[in-house]
Protein backbone atom coordinates (compact mmCIF):
# COMPACT_ATOMS: atom_id res chain seq x y z
CA MET A 1 -21.36 -4.62 16.29
CA LYS A 2 -17.64 -4.58 17.01
CA THR A 3 -15.45 -2.26 14.98
CA PRO A 4 -13.48 -4.27 12.39
CA LEU A 5 -9.68 -3.98 12.53
CA PHE A 6 -7.52 -4.62 9.45
CA LEU A 7 -3.83 -5.58 9.35
CA LEU A 8 -1.17 -4.72 6.77
CA SER A 9 2.53 -5.55 7.18
CA ASP A 10 5.79 -6.85 5.77
CA PHE A 11 5.99 -9.59 8.40
CA GLY A 12 5.26 -12.47 6.06
CA TYR A 13 3.71 -15.76 7.28
CA SER A 14 6.72 -17.83 8.42
CA ASP A 15 7.03 -16.19 11.87
CA GLY A 16 4.65 -15.58 14.77
CA TYR A 17 4.71 -11.82 14.50
CA VAL A 18 1.25 -11.38 13.03
CA ALA A 19 -0.31 -13.76 15.58
CA GLN A 20 1.33 -11.76 18.43
CA MET A 21 -0.20 -8.52 17.17
CA LYS A 22 -3.60 -10.14 16.88
CA ALA A 23 -3.31 -11.52 20.38
CA VAL A 24 -2.57 -8.02 21.76
CA ILE A 25 -5.54 -6.57 19.84
CA LEU A 26 -7.94 -9.22 21.09
CA SER A 27 -6.75 -8.90 24.67
CA PHE A 28 -7.49 -5.16 24.53
CA SER A 29 -10.74 -5.02 22.55
CA GLY A 30 -12.35 -8.42 23.15
CA TYR A 31 -12.14 -11.85 21.58
CA ASP A 32 -15.14 -11.17 19.33
CA THR A 33 -13.36 -8.30 17.55
CA PRO A 34 -13.19 -8.91 13.78
CA VAL A 35 -9.46 -8.82 12.82
CA ILE A 36 -8.98 -9.16 9.11
CA ASP A 37 -5.69 -9.47 7.14
CA ILE A 38 -5.11 -7.16 4.18
CA THR A 39 -1.68 -8.66 3.39
CA HIS A 40 1.56 -9.45 5.15
CA SER A 41 3.49 -9.81 1.89
CA VAL A 42 4.57 -6.21 1.56
CA LEU A 43 8.25 -6.34 0.39
CA PRO A 44 10.42 -6.22 3.53
CA GLY A 45 11.16 -2.67 4.56
CA ASN A 46 9.61 -1.23 1.38
CA ILE A 47 7.57 1.72 2.61
CA LEU A 48 6.35 2.71 -0.83
CA HIS A 49 5.11 -0.81 -1.51
CA GLY A 50 3.16 -0.64 1.77
CA ALA A 51 1.83 2.74 0.90
CA TYR A 52 0.47 1.32 -2.41
CA HIS A 53 -1.35 -1.44 -0.59
CA LEU A 54 -2.79 1.03 1.92
CA ARG A 55 -3.90 3.37 -0.91
CA SER A 56 -5.51 0.48 -2.86
CA THR A 57 -7.38 -1.13 0.02
CA LEU A 58 -8.36 1.62 2.47
CA PRO A 59 -11.07 3.25 0.28
CA ARG A 60 -12.86 -0.11 0.09
CA LEU A 61 -12.92 -0.69 3.88
CA PRO A 62 -16.01 0.28 5.96
CA GLU A 63 -16.12 3.76 7.48
CA GLY A 64 -15.24 3.63 11.20
CA SER A 65 -12.82 0.80 10.71
CA VAL A 66 -9.26 0.80 11.96
CA THR A 67 -6.26 -0.32 9.88
CA LEU A 68 -3.00 -1.20 11.56
CA ALA A 69 -0.18 -0.78 8.99
CA VAL A 70 3.35 -1.82 9.92
CA VAL A 71 6.23 -1.50 7.53
CA ASP A 72 8.84 -0.12 9.87
CA PRO A 73 12.50 -0.27 8.89
CA GLY A 74 13.18 2.55 11.35
CA VAL A 75 11.77 0.67 14.39
CA GLY A 76 13.39 1.63 17.61
CA SER A 77 14.60 5.00 16.26
CA SER A 78 13.28 8.44 17.14
CA ARG A 79 10.53 8.25 14.49
CA PHE A 80 6.99 8.82 15.82
CA GLY A 81 3.97 6.57 15.65
CA LEU A 82 0.80 8.11 14.31
CA ALA A 83 -2.96 7.69 14.12
CA ALA A 84 -4.69 9.23 11.08
CA LEU A 85 -8.32 9.73 10.16
CA TRP A 86 -8.90 9.54 6.39
CA ARG A 87 -12.42 9.70 5.03
CA GLY A 88 -13.91 8.28 8.19
CA ARG A 89 -11.35 5.45 8.48
CA PHE A 90 -8.54 5.25 11.05
CA VAL A 91 -4.98 4.22 10.25
CA VAL A 92 -2.33 3.43 12.90
CA ALA A 93 1.21 3.34 11.52
CA PRO A 94 4.79 4.49 11.97
CA ASP A 95 5.41 8.06 10.84
CA ASN A 96 7.65 7.12 7.95
CA GLY A 97 5.62 7.79 4.77
CA LEU A 98 3.22 4.88 4.83
CA ILE A 99 0.27 7.28 4.50
CA SER A 100 1.86 9.16 1.60
CA MET A 101 -0.44 7.86 -1.13
CA LEU A 102 -3.66 8.73 0.69
CA SER A 103 -4.95 11.72 -1.25
CA GLY A 104 -6.87 14.62 0.27
CA SER A 105 -7.09 15.94 3.76
CA MET A 106 -6.77 13.90 6.92
CA LYS A 107 -6.40 14.42 10.63
CA ILE A 108 -3.17 13.06 12.12
CA TRP A 109 -2.07 12.60 15.75
CA LYS A 110 1.12 11.55 17.38
CA LEU A 111 0.93 8.33 19.39
CA PRO A 112 2.22 8.27 22.96
CA ASP A 113 5.84 7.20 23.43
CA PRO A 114 6.49 3.53 23.94
CA GLU A 115 5.82 2.22 27.43
CA PRO A 116 8.81 1.02 29.51
CA GLY A 117 9.55 -2.57 28.64
CA SER A 118 8.35 -2.31 25.01
CA ALA A 119 10.60 -4.21 22.61
CA PRO A 120 12.59 -1.67 20.53
CA THR A 121 12.49 -4.08 17.61
CA PHE A 122 8.70 -4.77 17.66
CA HIS A 123 6.63 -1.59 17.96
CA GLY A 124 3.94 -3.32 15.83
CA ARG A 125 3.05 -5.51 18.81
CA ASP A 126 3.93 -3.26 21.75
CA VAL A 127 3.00 0.22 20.52
CA PHE A 128 0.79 0.13 17.40
CA ALA A 129 -1.41 -2.84 18.17
CA PRO A 130 -2.57 -1.50 21.53
CA ALA A 131 -3.21 1.93 19.93
CA ALA A 132 -5.28 0.35 17.13
CA ALA A 133 -7.29 -1.61 19.68
CA ARG A 134 -7.97 1.48 21.74
CA LEU A 135 -9.22 3.34 18.66
CA ALA A 136 -11.46 0.39 17.75
CA LEU A 137 -12.99 0.57 21.22
CA ASP A 138 -13.13 4.37 21.49
CA PRO A 139 -12.54 6.69 18.52
CA GLY A 140 -12.69 9.59 20.99
CA TRP A 141 -9.31 8.49 22.31
CA THR A 142 -7.78 10.90 19.79
CA ALA A 143 -8.91 13.78 22.03
CA PHE A 144 -6.06 12.79 24.34
CA LEU A 145 -3.43 12.72 21.57
CA THR A 146 -1.24 15.55 20.25
CA PRO A 147 -1.81 16.63 16.64
CA LEU A 148 1.06 15.79 14.31
CA GLU A 149 1.54 18.84 12.11
CA HIS A 150 4.28 17.63 9.78
CA PRO A 151 4.08 13.87 9.10
CA VAL A 152 6.77 12.24 7.00
CA LEU A 153 5.60 12.07 3.37
CA LEU A 154 7.35 10.28 0.55
CA GLU A 155 7.40 11.75 -2.97
CA GLU A 156 4.61 9.90 -4.69
CA PRO A 157 5.74 8.31 -7.99
CA ARG A 158 4.08 10.01 -10.91
CA ALA A 159 3.95 9.17 -14.60
CA VAL A 160 6.14 11.55 -16.56
CA PRO A 161 4.97 12.51 -20.09
CA GLY A 162 7.44 12.92 -22.92
CA GLU A 163 7.23 13.26 -26.68
CA SER A 164 4.96 10.32 -27.62
CA SER A 165 5.95 8.61 -24.43
CA LEU A 166 5.03 8.10 -20.81
CA THR A 167 7.51 7.00 -18.13
CA THR A 168 6.22 5.28 -15.08
CA VAL A 169 7.17 3.21 -12.05
CA VAL A 170 6.04 -0.29 -11.19
CA LEU A 171 4.27 0.01 -7.85
CA HIS A 172 3.42 -3.66 -7.41
CA VAL A 173 3.60 -7.08 -9.02
CA ASP A 174 0.54 -9.13 -8.17
CA ASN A 175 0.29 -12.87 -7.73
CA PHE A 176 -0.39 -13.34 -11.41
CA GLY A 177 2.69 -11.36 -12.48
CA ASN A 178 0.70 -8.32 -13.63
CA CYS A 179 2.76 -5.13 -13.15
CA VAL A 180 0.74 -2.36 -11.57
CA THR A 181 2.17 1.04 -12.65
CA SER A 182 1.75 4.53 -11.24
CA ILE A 183 -0.30 5.57 -14.33
CA THR A 184 -3.86 6.74 -13.66
CA GLU A 185 -6.62 7.78 -16.03
CA ASP A 186 -5.63 11.43 -15.71
CA ASP A 187 -2.10 10.68 -16.92
CA LEU A 188 -3.10 9.30 -20.30
CA ASN A 189 -4.68 12.44 -21.85
CA GLY A 190 -5.32 10.61 -25.12
CA PHE A 191 -2.01 8.75 -25.12
CA VAL A 192 -2.23 5.27 -26.72
CA PRO A 193 0.84 3.06 -26.01
CA SER A 194 2.16 0.56 -28.60
CA GLU A 195 5.53 -0.36 -27.14
CA VAL A 196 6.92 -0.90 -23.59
CA ILE A 197 10.64 -0.41 -23.00
CA THR A 198 12.40 -1.82 -19.91
CA ASP A 199 16.06 -2.34 -18.96
CA SER A 200 15.87 -5.82 -20.46
CA GLY A 201 14.48 -4.73 -23.84
CA SER A 202 11.27 -3.77 -25.56
CA THR A 203 8.04 -5.49 -26.56
CA SER A 204 4.82 -4.53 -28.22
CA VAL A 205 1.83 -3.60 -26.02
CA VAL A 206 -1.85 -3.53 -26.92
CA PRO A 207 -4.47 -1.48 -24.99
CA VAL A 208 -7.38 -3.64 -23.89
CA ASN A 209 -10.33 -3.52 -21.49
CA TYR A 210 -9.83 -6.91 -19.87
CA TYR A 211 -7.05 -9.55 -19.72
CA SER A 212 -8.35 -12.23 -22.03
CA GLN A 213 -9.06 -9.67 -24.71
CA GLY A 214 -5.30 -9.81 -25.44
CA ALA A 215 -5.19 -13.60 -25.83
CA GLY A 216 -3.06 -14.59 -28.76
CA SER A 217 -1.01 -11.36 -28.59
CA HIS A 218 2.72 -11.94 -28.89
CA GLY A 219 3.43 -9.03 -26.62
CA ALA A 220 1.89 -7.44 -23.55
CA VAL A 221 -1.42 -5.70 -22.87
CA PHE A 222 -2.10 -2.40 -21.13
CA LEU A 223 -5.30 -1.95 -19.16
CA ARG A 224 -6.91 -0.17 -16.22
CA GLY A 225 -6.79 -2.56 -13.31
CA SER A 226 -9.24 -2.98 -10.43
CA GLN A 227 -7.11 -0.83 -8.11
CA GLY A 228 -7.37 2.29 -10.20
CA PHE A 229 -3.95 2.14 -11.76
CA TYR A 230 -2.96 0.93 -15.25
CA GLU A 231 -1.24 -2.44 -15.48
CA ILE A 232 1.00 -4.15 -17.92
CA ALA A 233 0.05 -7.74 -18.28
CA VAL A 234 0.71 -10.85 -20.42
CA PRO A 235 -2.44 -12.97 -20.86
CA GLY A 236 -1.85 -16.42 -19.45
CA ALA A 237 1.69 -15.59 -18.29
CA SER A 238 3.66 -13.41 -15.94
CA ALA A 239 4.47 -9.96 -17.31
CA ALA A 240 7.01 -9.47 -14.54
CA GLU A 241 8.90 -12.61 -15.61
CA LYS A 242 8.65 -11.91 -19.30
CA LEU A 243 9.72 -8.29 -19.06
CA GLY A 244 12.04 -8.68 -16.11
CA LEU A 245 10.17 -6.23 -13.89
CA ASN A 246 10.03 -5.75 -10.11
CA PRO A 247 8.38 -3.12 -7.89
CA GLY A 248 10.36 0.15 -8.12
CA ASP A 249 11.52 -0.45 -11.71
CA THR A 250 11.08 2.29 -14.29
CA VAL A 251 9.19 1.57 -17.49
CA SER A 252 8.75 3.69 -20.62
CA LEU A 253 5.69 3.39 -22.78
CA HIS A 254 5.85 4.69 -26.34
CA GLY A 255 2.98 5.37 -28.73
CA ASN A 256 0.96 8.28 -29.96
């Protein structure tokens, strides 16, 4: 069975960039290689947003798979490319912090320098796609790579506790307008929120176990989402629109 290869990028769907990467992968590893899109709707150039998607999806991918992640505002600069092995899954990405939210130990290697003729504006196609295809064909290829001792790591956004409050960051707004925060189960420690405060004002919030449980509420609901982070949602509506929130915004939850 062919090794599946997964794609994550900020390229969107209006250009041919994703198709070009897929064509390179298939030409290297064979036209029967499963190539599966995670998303290409990462906010343009937003490395933390890409790191969130990688953190959310990678644990659910099969061991032995290869993920090509390209959010690369520094393309063409002196930044390295890397291959990482995390819990039996390979990631190929620029060395710019995309792997920052992958917890625990991992092995990391520096990719070879771009070949002559590689486009300095499209390493996703000319550098990372061939590397991902090689790993899918032969995981032992890493024996020929140089270990990368000090990869670039972003400061992971954490929930900050206060007196009867918890301040967090919106990591992602999904297609339904639900706001995924950086809060995890470990951050709550018995805290029960009753109000959410944003730059545009405040609204009541009710802890629930699933979305429709808050139907009829005049405010928002707070629940543990499927990706392991707590979300702020508005049943039947967009919490992002109602509360004026975008990825990267700070939110304060108050309660007891």
